């Protein structure tokens, strides 16, 4: 297992992928598969933008106001995963909405999603795993 640097984690997150928005509503965890765009010029580590319609995602963004976000990839040689955390908000400023439009954030499915949620990131971490045989008992990786 290899830990990714902050820069490597942001680069991985910036590639077009399916992500998972994770929130808690009334003490229950919710996970939403979403497409997104990342703006690395905004907020501490950047801002994720997600389109949504009225429902649980929008409720969580306006009430809970915190979220985690996960993306991963599996290839023939290994797997990578990045987890980011941040504060959520509904995007209302015209210039910010124009930036999201210019970035090409459109729903992957034919659905009306008029609202844009922002996740202003403040923590990010990532890992890369290479596939192969398990280590001998004496070479087991020590959790760190």
N, C-alpha and C. Protein backbone atom coordinates (compact mmCIF):
# COMPACT_ATOMS: atom_id res chain seq x y z
N UNK A 1 0.84 -1.16 0.00
CA UNK A 1 0.00 0.00 0.00
C UNK A 1 0.89 1.23 0.00
N UNK A 2 0.52 2.20 -0.81
CA UNK A 2 1.26 3.46 -0.90
C UNK A 2 0.30 4.61 -0.64
N UNK A 3 0.66 5.48 0.27
CA UNK A 3 -0.15 6.68 0.51
C UNK A 3 0.12 7.68 -0.60
N UNK A 4 -0.93 8.34 -1.07
CA UNK A 4 -0.78 9.38 -2.08
C UNK A 4 -0.53 10.71 -1.38
N UNK A 5 0.26 11.57 -2.01
CA UNK A 5 0.45 12.91 -1.48
C UNK A 5 -0.84 13.71 -1.68
N UNK A 6 -0.91 14.86 -1.06
CA UNK A 6 -2.07 15.73 -1.26
C UNK A 6 -2.22 16.09 -2.74
N UNK A 7 -1.10 16.42 -3.39
CA UNK A 7 -1.14 16.77 -4.81
C UNK A 7 -1.59 15.59 -5.67
N UNK A 8 -1.08 14.39 -5.38
CA UNK A 8 -1.49 13.19 -6.13
C UNK A 8 -2.97 12.89 -5.90
N UNK A 9 -3.44 13.08 -4.68
CA UNK A 9 -4.85 12.84 -4.37
C UNK A 9 -5.74 13.81 -5.13
N UNK A 10 -5.36 15.08 -5.18
CA UNK A 10 -6.14 16.07 -5.92
C UNK A 10 -6.12 15.78 -7.42
N UNK A 11 -4.97 15.35 -7.94
CA UNK A 11 -4.88 14.99 -9.36
C UNK A 11 -5.80 13.81 -9.67
N UNK A 12 -5.82 12.82 -8.80
CA UNK A 12 -6.70 11.66 -8.98
C UNK A 12 -8.17 12.10 -8.94
N UNK A 13 -8.51 12.96 -8.00
CA UNK A 13 -9.88 13.45 -7.85
C UNK A 13 -10.30 14.30 -9.05
N UNK A 14 -9.35 14.95 -9.69
CA UNK A 14 -9.65 15.86 -10.80
C UNK A 14 -9.97 15.13 -12.11
N UNK A 15 -9.66 13.85 -12.20
CA UNK A 15 -9.97 13.08 -13.42
C UNK A 15 -11.46 12.74 -13.44
N UNK A 16 -12.06 12.69 -14.63
CA UNK A 16 -13.51 12.37 -14.68
C UNK A 16 -13.79 10.95 -14.20
N UNK A 17 -14.54 10.85 -13.14
CA UNK A 17 -14.89 9.56 -12.54
C UNK A 17 -16.27 9.67 -11.91
N UNK A 18 -16.79 8.53 -11.53
CA UNK A 18 -17.98 8.49 -10.70
C UNK A 18 -17.52 8.62 -9.25
N UNK A 19 -18.12 9.53 -8.51
CA UNK A 19 -17.76 9.70 -7.11
C UNK A 19 -18.92 9.32 -6.21
N UNK A 20 -18.66 9.30 -4.92
CA UNK A 20 -19.70 8.99 -3.94
C UNK A 20 -19.71 10.09 -2.88
N UNK A 21 -20.83 10.79 -2.81
CA UNK A 21 -21.04 11.81 -1.79
C UNK A 21 -21.59 11.11 -0.56
N UNK A 22 -20.97 11.33 0.59
CA UNK A 22 -21.36 10.66 1.83
C UNK A 22 -21.80 11.72 2.84
N UNK A 23 -23.03 11.57 3.36
CA UNK A 23 -23.55 12.50 4.36
C UNK A 23 -24.28 11.71 5.44
N UNK A 24 -24.66 12.42 6.48
CA UNK A 24 -25.46 11.82 7.55
C UNK A 24 -26.71 12.68 7.70
N UNK A 25 -27.86 12.03 7.67
CA UNK A 25 -29.14 12.71 7.85
C UNK A 25 -29.88 12.01 8.98
N UNK A 26 -30.22 12.76 10.02
CA UNK A 26 -30.93 12.21 11.19
C UNK A 26 -30.21 10.99 11.75
N UNK A 27 -28.88 11.06 11.81
CA UNK A 27 -28.09 9.99 12.38
C UNK A 27 -27.87 8.78 11.49
N UNK A 28 -28.38 8.81 10.28
CA UNK A 28 -28.23 7.69 9.35
C UNK A 28 -27.29 8.07 8.20
N UNK A 29 -26.35 7.18 7.84
CA UNK A 29 -25.45 7.49 6.72
C UNK A 29 -26.16 7.34 5.38
N UNK A 30 -25.83 8.23 4.46
CA UNK A 30 -26.35 8.19 3.09
C UNK A 30 -25.17 8.29 2.14
N UNK A 31 -25.19 7.48 1.09
CA UNK A 31 -24.16 7.52 0.06
C UNK A 31 -24.85 7.71 -1.28
N UNK A 32 -24.40 8.73 -2.03
CA UNK A 32 -25.00 9.05 -3.32
C UNK A 32 -23.95 8.95 -4.41
N UNK A 33 -24.11 8.07 -5.39
CA UNK A 33 -23.19 8.07 -6.54
C UNK A 33 -23.49 9.31 -7.39
N UNK A 34 -22.44 10.05 -7.74
CA UNK A 34 -22.62 11.31 -8.47
C UNK A 34 -21.48 11.54 -9.45
N UNK A 35 -21.77 12.31 -10.50
CA UNK A 35 -20.68 12.87 -11.29
C UNK A 35 -20.42 14.27 -10.75
N UNK A 36 -19.26 14.82 -11.06
CA UNK A 36 -18.83 16.06 -10.41
C UNK A 36 -17.74 16.72 -11.25
N UNK A 37 -17.43 17.95 -10.89
CA UNK A 37 -16.23 18.61 -11.38
C UNK A 37 -15.51 19.19 -10.17
N UNK A 38 -14.20 19.34 -10.31
CA UNK A 38 -13.36 19.88 -9.24
C UNK A 38 -12.74 21.18 -9.71
N UNK A 39 -12.82 22.20 -8.87
CA UNK A 39 -12.14 23.47 -9.11
C UNK A 39 -11.06 23.61 -8.06
N UNK A 40 -9.80 23.46 -8.46
CA UNK A 40 -8.70 23.51 -7.49
C UNK A 40 -8.26 24.93 -7.18
N UNK A 41 -8.90 25.93 -7.80
CA UNK A 41 -8.53 27.32 -7.51
C UNK A 41 -9.37 27.90 -6.39
N UNK A 42 -10.35 27.16 -5.91
CA UNK A 42 -11.26 27.66 -4.88
C UNK A 42 -11.03 26.93 -3.56
N UNK A 43 -11.44 27.55 -2.48
CA UNK A 43 -11.39 26.97 -1.13
C UNK A 43 -9.98 26.55 -0.74
N UNK A 44 -9.86 25.82 0.35
CA UNK A 44 -8.56 25.41 0.88
C UNK A 44 -7.87 24.44 -0.07
N UNK A 45 -8.52 23.33 -0.36
CA UNK A 45 -7.96 22.32 -1.26
C UNK A 45 -8.68 22.30 -2.60
N UNK A 46 -9.72 23.06 -2.72
CA UNK A 46 -10.53 23.05 -3.93
C UNK A 46 -11.99 22.87 -3.58
N UNK A 47 -12.82 22.94 -4.59
CA UNK A 47 -14.26 22.78 -4.40
C UNK A 47 -14.80 21.79 -5.41
N UNK A 48 -15.55 20.81 -4.92
CA UNK A 48 -16.28 19.88 -5.78
C UNK A 48 -17.65 20.47 -6.05
N UNK A 49 -18.11 20.30 -7.30
CA UNK A 49 -19.45 20.75 -7.66
C UNK A 49 -20.26 19.56 -8.14
N UNK A 50 -21.50 19.47 -7.66
CA UNK A 50 -22.40 18.37 -7.96
C UNK A 50 -23.77 18.96 -8.30
N UNK A 51 -24.40 18.45 -9.34
CA UNK A 51 -25.77 18.88 -9.67
C UNK A 51 -26.76 17.99 -8.93
N UNK A 52 -27.87 18.58 -8.50
CA UNK A 52 -28.89 17.79 -7.82
C UNK A 52 -30.27 18.43 -8.01
N UNK A 53 -31.26 17.69 -7.62
CA UNK A 53 -32.65 18.15 -7.60
C UNK A 53 -33.12 18.11 -6.15
N UNK A 54 -34.28 18.65 -5.84
CA UNK A 54 -34.79 18.56 -4.47
C UNK A 54 -34.81 17.10 -4.00
N UNK A 55 -34.33 16.88 -2.78
CA UNK A 55 -34.28 15.54 -2.21
C UNK A 55 -33.23 15.47 -1.11
N UNK A 56 -32.78 14.25 -0.80
CA UNK A 56 -31.86 14.04 0.32
C UNK A 56 -30.52 14.75 0.16
N UNK A 57 -29.93 14.73 -1.05
CA UNK A 57 -28.64 15.41 -1.25
C UNK A 57 -28.75 16.89 -0.94
N UNK A 58 -29.77 17.52 -1.48
CA UNK A 58 -29.96 18.95 -1.27
C UNK A 58 -30.25 19.24 0.20
N UNK A 59 -31.07 18.40 0.83
CA UNK A 59 -31.36 18.56 2.25
C UNK A 59 -30.08 18.49 3.07
N UNK A 60 -29.26 17.48 2.81
CA UNK A 60 -28.01 17.32 3.56
C UNK A 60 -27.08 18.50 3.36
N UNK A 61 -27.03 19.02 2.13
CA UNK A 61 -26.15 20.15 1.84
C UNK A 61 -26.56 21.40 2.59
N UNK A 62 -27.85 21.56 2.81
CA UNK A 62 -28.33 22.78 3.46
C UNK A 62 -28.51 22.64 4.97
N UNK A 63 -28.67 21.42 5.46
CA UNK A 63 -28.90 21.23 6.89
C UNK A 63 -27.66 20.67 7.59
N UNK A 64 -27.16 19.54 7.12
CA UNK A 64 -26.00 18.91 7.74
C UNK A 64 -24.74 19.73 7.48
N UNK A 65 -24.57 20.16 6.25
CA UNK A 65 -23.49 21.05 5.81
C UNK A 65 -22.08 20.47 5.88
N UNK A 66 -21.94 19.17 6.09
CA UNK A 66 -20.64 18.52 6.00
C UNK A 66 -20.80 17.25 5.18
N UNK A 67 -19.72 16.86 4.52
CA UNK A 67 -19.78 15.66 3.69
C UNK A 67 -18.39 15.08 3.51
N UNK A 68 -18.38 13.82 3.17
CA UNK A 68 -17.16 13.16 2.69
C UNK A 68 -17.42 12.82 1.23
N UNK A 69 -16.35 12.63 0.49
CA UNK A 69 -16.47 12.31 -0.93
C UNK A 69 -15.41 11.28 -1.25
N UNK A 70 -15.80 10.22 -1.97
CA UNK A 70 -14.87 9.13 -2.28
C UNK A 70 -14.90 8.83 -3.76
N UNK A 71 -13.72 8.62 -4.33
CA UNK A 71 -13.58 8.12 -5.70
C UNK A 71 -12.57 6.99 -5.67
N UNK A 72 -12.74 6.03 -6.57
CA UNK A 72 -11.79 4.93 -6.64
C UNK A 72 -11.66 4.45 -8.07
N UNK A 73 -10.66 3.63 -8.27
CA UNK A 73 -10.41 3.06 -9.59
C UNK A 73 -9.72 1.71 -9.39
N UNK A 74 -10.16 0.73 -10.15
CA UNK A 74 -9.52 -0.58 -10.14
C UNK A 74 -9.00 -0.85 -11.54
N UNK A 75 -7.72 -1.22 -11.62
CA UNK A 75 -7.10 -1.58 -12.90
C UNK A 75 -6.59 -3.01 -12.80
N UNK A 76 -5.96 -3.50 -13.85
CA UNK A 76 -5.41 -4.86 -13.81
C UNK A 76 -4.29 -4.99 -12.78
N UNK A 77 -3.56 -3.90 -12.53
CA UNK A 77 -2.40 -3.99 -11.66
C UNK A 77 -2.65 -3.54 -10.22
N UNK A 78 -3.78 -2.86 -9.97
CA UNK A 78 -4.01 -2.40 -8.62
C UNK A 78 -5.26 -1.56 -8.49
N UNK A 79 -5.35 -0.88 -7.38
CA UNK A 79 -6.52 -0.04 -7.11
C UNK A 79 -6.07 1.23 -6.40
N UNK A 80 -6.83 2.29 -6.60
CA UNK A 80 -6.56 3.57 -5.93
C UNK A 80 -7.87 4.09 -5.36
N UNK A 81 -7.75 4.84 -4.27
CA UNK A 81 -8.92 5.43 -3.64
C UNK A 81 -8.53 6.76 -3.02
N UNK A 82 -9.40 7.75 -3.17
CA UNK A 82 -9.20 9.06 -2.55
C UNK A 82 -10.46 9.41 -1.77
N UNK A 83 -10.26 9.91 -0.56
CA UNK A 83 -11.36 10.37 0.28
C UNK A 83 -11.09 11.83 0.65
N UNK A 84 -12.09 12.66 0.43
CA UNK A 84 -12.00 14.08 0.77
C UNK A 84 -13.14 14.44 1.71
N UNK A 85 -12.91 15.45 2.51
CA UNK A 85 -13.94 15.92 3.44
C UNK A 85 -14.09 17.43 3.29
N UNK A 86 -15.32 17.91 3.51
CA UNK A 86 -15.51 19.35 3.39
C UNK A 86 -16.87 19.80 3.85
N UNK A 87 -17.09 21.10 3.70
CA UNK A 87 -18.36 21.73 4.06
C UNK A 87 -19.18 21.92 2.80
N UNK A 88 -20.47 21.68 2.92
CA UNK A 88 -21.36 21.79 1.76
C UNK A 88 -22.15 23.09 1.81
N UNK A 89 -22.54 23.53 0.62
CA UNK A 89 -23.37 24.72 0.48
C UNK A 89 -24.04 24.68 -0.88
N UNK A 90 -25.12 25.40 -1.01
CA UNK A 90 -25.80 25.54 -2.29
C UNK A 90 -25.18 26.73 -3.01
N UNK A 91 -24.82 26.54 -4.28
CA UNK A 91 -24.21 27.62 -5.07
C UNK A 91 -25.31 28.54 -5.57
N UNK A 92 -25.18 29.82 -5.26
CA UNK A 92 -26.18 30.80 -5.68
C UNK A 92 -25.59 31.96 -6.47
N UNK A 93 -24.30 32.24 -6.31
CA UNK A 93 -23.66 33.37 -6.99
C UNK A 93 -23.58 33.11 -8.49
N UNK A 94 -23.99 34.09 -9.28
CA UNK A 94 -24.05 33.95 -10.74
C UNK A 94 -22.68 33.63 -11.34
N UNK A 95 -21.61 34.27 -10.83
CA UNK A 95 -20.28 34.01 -11.39
C UNK A 95 -19.82 32.58 -11.10
N UNK A 96 -20.15 32.07 -9.93
CA UNK A 96 -19.77 30.69 -9.59
C UNK A 96 -20.59 29.69 -10.41
N UNK A 97 -21.88 29.96 -10.59
CA UNK A 97 -22.71 29.09 -11.43
C UNK A 97 -22.21 29.09 -12.87
N UNK A 98 -21.77 30.25 -13.37
CA UNK A 98 -21.23 30.33 -14.73
C UNK A 98 -19.96 29.50 -14.85
N UNK A 99 -19.12 29.52 -13.81
CA UNK A 99 -17.89 28.72 -13.81
C UNK A 99 -18.22 27.23 -13.87
N UNK A 100 -19.23 26.81 -13.14
CA UNK A 100 -19.66 25.40 -13.14
C UNK A 100 -20.19 25.02 -14.52
N UNK A 101 -20.99 25.88 -15.11
CA UNK A 101 -21.51 25.63 -16.47
C UNK A 101 -20.36 25.49 -17.46
N UNK A 102 -19.38 26.40 -17.37
CA UNK A 102 -18.24 26.37 -18.29
C UNK A 102 -17.41 25.10 -18.12
N UNK A 103 -17.41 24.54 -16.91
CA UNK A 103 -16.66 23.30 -16.65
C UNK A 103 -17.37 22.08 -17.23
N UNK A 104 -18.61 22.25 -17.68
CA UNK A 104 -19.33 21.15 -18.33
C UNK A 104 -20.01 20.18 -17.40
N UNK A 105 -20.39 20.63 -16.21
CA UNK A 105 -21.08 19.73 -15.28
C UNK A 105 -22.53 19.56 -15.71
N UNK A 106 -22.83 18.41 -16.27
CA UNK A 106 -24.19 18.08 -16.69
C UNK A 106 -24.54 16.70 -16.14
N UNK A 107 -25.81 16.45 -15.83
CA UNK A 107 -26.19 15.13 -15.33
C UNK A 107 -25.87 14.04 -16.35
N UNK A 108 -25.45 12.88 -15.88
CA UNK A 108 -25.18 11.74 -16.76
C UNK A 108 -26.47 11.08 -17.21
N UNK A 109 -27.53 11.29 -16.46
CA UNK A 109 -28.82 10.72 -16.83
C UNK A 109 -29.76 11.85 -17.22
N UNK A 110 -30.79 11.50 -17.97
CA UNK A 110 -31.76 12.52 -18.40
C UNK A 110 -32.64 12.88 -17.22
N UNK A 111 -32.18 13.83 -16.43
CA UNK A 111 -32.93 14.23 -15.24
C UNK A 111 -32.77 15.73 -15.03
N UNK A 112 -33.79 16.34 -14.49
CA UNK A 112 -33.77 17.76 -14.18
C UNK A 112 -33.03 17.95 -12.86
N UNK A 113 -31.88 18.58 -12.89
CA UNK A 113 -31.08 18.83 -11.69
C UNK A 113 -30.64 20.29 -11.70
N UNK A 114 -31.53 21.17 -11.27
CA UNK A 114 -31.27 22.61 -11.41
C UNK A 114 -30.33 23.21 -10.36
N UNK A 115 -30.08 22.49 -9.29
CA UNK A 115 -29.31 23.05 -8.18
C UNK A 115 -27.90 22.51 -8.19
N UNK A 116 -26.94 23.39 -7.87
CA UNK A 116 -25.54 22.98 -7.77
C UNK A 116 -25.13 23.04 -6.30
N UNK A 117 -24.59 21.93 -5.83
CA UNK A 117 -24.04 21.85 -4.47
C UNK A 117 -22.52 21.98 -4.59
N UNK A 118 -21.93 22.75 -3.68
CA UNK A 118 -20.47 22.85 -3.59
C UNK A 118 -20.02 22.13 -2.33
N UNK A 119 -18.89 21.43 -2.44
CA UNK A 119 -18.24 20.85 -1.26
C UNK A 119 -16.86 21.51 -1.20
N UNK A 120 -16.69 22.44 -0.27
CA UNK A 120 -15.42 23.14 -0.09
C UNK A 120 -14.50 22.23 0.74
N UNK A 121 -13.49 21.68 0.09
CA UNK A 121 -12.66 20.64 0.70
C UNK A 121 -11.67 21.22 1.71
N UNK A 122 -11.49 20.48 2.82
CA UNK A 122 -10.48 20.88 3.81
C UNK A 122 -9.56 19.73 4.21
N UNK A 123 -9.90 18.49 3.82
CA UNK A 123 -9.03 17.33 4.07
C UNK A 123 -9.12 16.39 2.89
N UNK A 124 -7.97 15.78 2.56
CA UNK A 124 -7.95 14.80 1.48
C UNK A 124 -6.85 13.79 1.76
N UNK A 125 -7.11 12.55 1.43
CA UNK A 125 -6.09 11.50 1.55
C UNK A 125 -6.36 10.46 0.47
N UNK A 126 -5.31 9.77 0.11
CA UNK A 126 -5.46 8.75 -0.92
C UNK A 126 -4.49 7.60 -0.72
N UNK A 127 -4.84 6.47 -1.32
CA UNK A 127 -4.00 5.27 -1.24
C UNK A 127 -3.99 4.56 -2.58
N UNK A 128 -2.89 3.90 -2.85
CA UNK A 128 -2.77 3.07 -4.05
C UNK A 128 -2.30 1.69 -3.59
N UNK A 129 -2.96 0.67 -4.12
CA UNK A 129 -2.64 -0.71 -3.78
C UNK A 129 -2.23 -1.44 -5.04
N UNK A 130 -1.14 -2.18 -4.99
CA UNK A 130 -0.73 -3.00 -6.13
C UNK A 130 -1.15 -4.43 -5.86
N UNK A 131 -1.72 -5.07 -6.86
CA UNK A 131 -2.13 -6.46 -6.72
C UNK A 131 -0.91 -7.37 -6.82
N UNK A 132 -0.98 -8.47 -6.15
CA UNK A 132 0.10 -9.45 -6.19
C UNK A 132 -0.10 -10.45 -5.08
N UNK A 133 0.86 -11.33 -4.94
CA UNK A 133 0.73 -12.35 -3.89
C UNK A 133 0.82 -11.70 -2.51
N UNK A 134 0.16 -12.33 -1.55
CA UNK A 134 0.22 -11.85 -0.17
C UNK A 134 1.64 -12.02 0.35
N UNK A 135 2.10 -11.12 1.21
CA UNK A 135 3.45 -11.26 1.77
C UNK A 135 3.51 -12.46 2.70
N UNK A 136 4.73 -12.98 2.87
CA UNK A 136 4.93 -14.05 3.84
C UNK A 136 4.55 -13.51 5.22
N UNK A 137 4.23 -14.44 6.12
CA UNK A 137 3.78 -14.04 7.46
C UNK A 137 4.77 -13.08 8.12
N UNK A 138 6.04 -13.31 7.95
CA UNK A 138 7.07 -12.46 8.57
C UNK A 138 7.19 -11.10 7.92
N UNK A 139 6.60 -10.91 6.74
CA UNK A 139 6.71 -9.64 6.02
C UNK A 139 5.40 -8.86 6.04
N UNK A 140 4.50 -9.23 6.91
CA UNK A 140 3.19 -8.58 6.94
C UNK A 140 3.35 -7.08 7.22
N UNK A 141 2.55 -6.30 6.52
CA UNK A 141 2.59 -4.85 6.69
C UNK A 141 2.00 -4.49 8.05
N UNK A 142 2.69 -3.61 8.75
CA UNK A 142 2.24 -3.16 10.06
C UNK A 142 1.37 -1.92 9.85
N UNK A 143 0.14 -1.94 10.37
CA UNK A 143 -0.72 -0.75 10.20
C UNK A 143 -0.05 0.48 10.79
N UNK A 144 -0.22 1.61 10.11
CA UNK A 144 0.45 2.82 10.59
C UNK A 144 -0.42 3.91 10.67
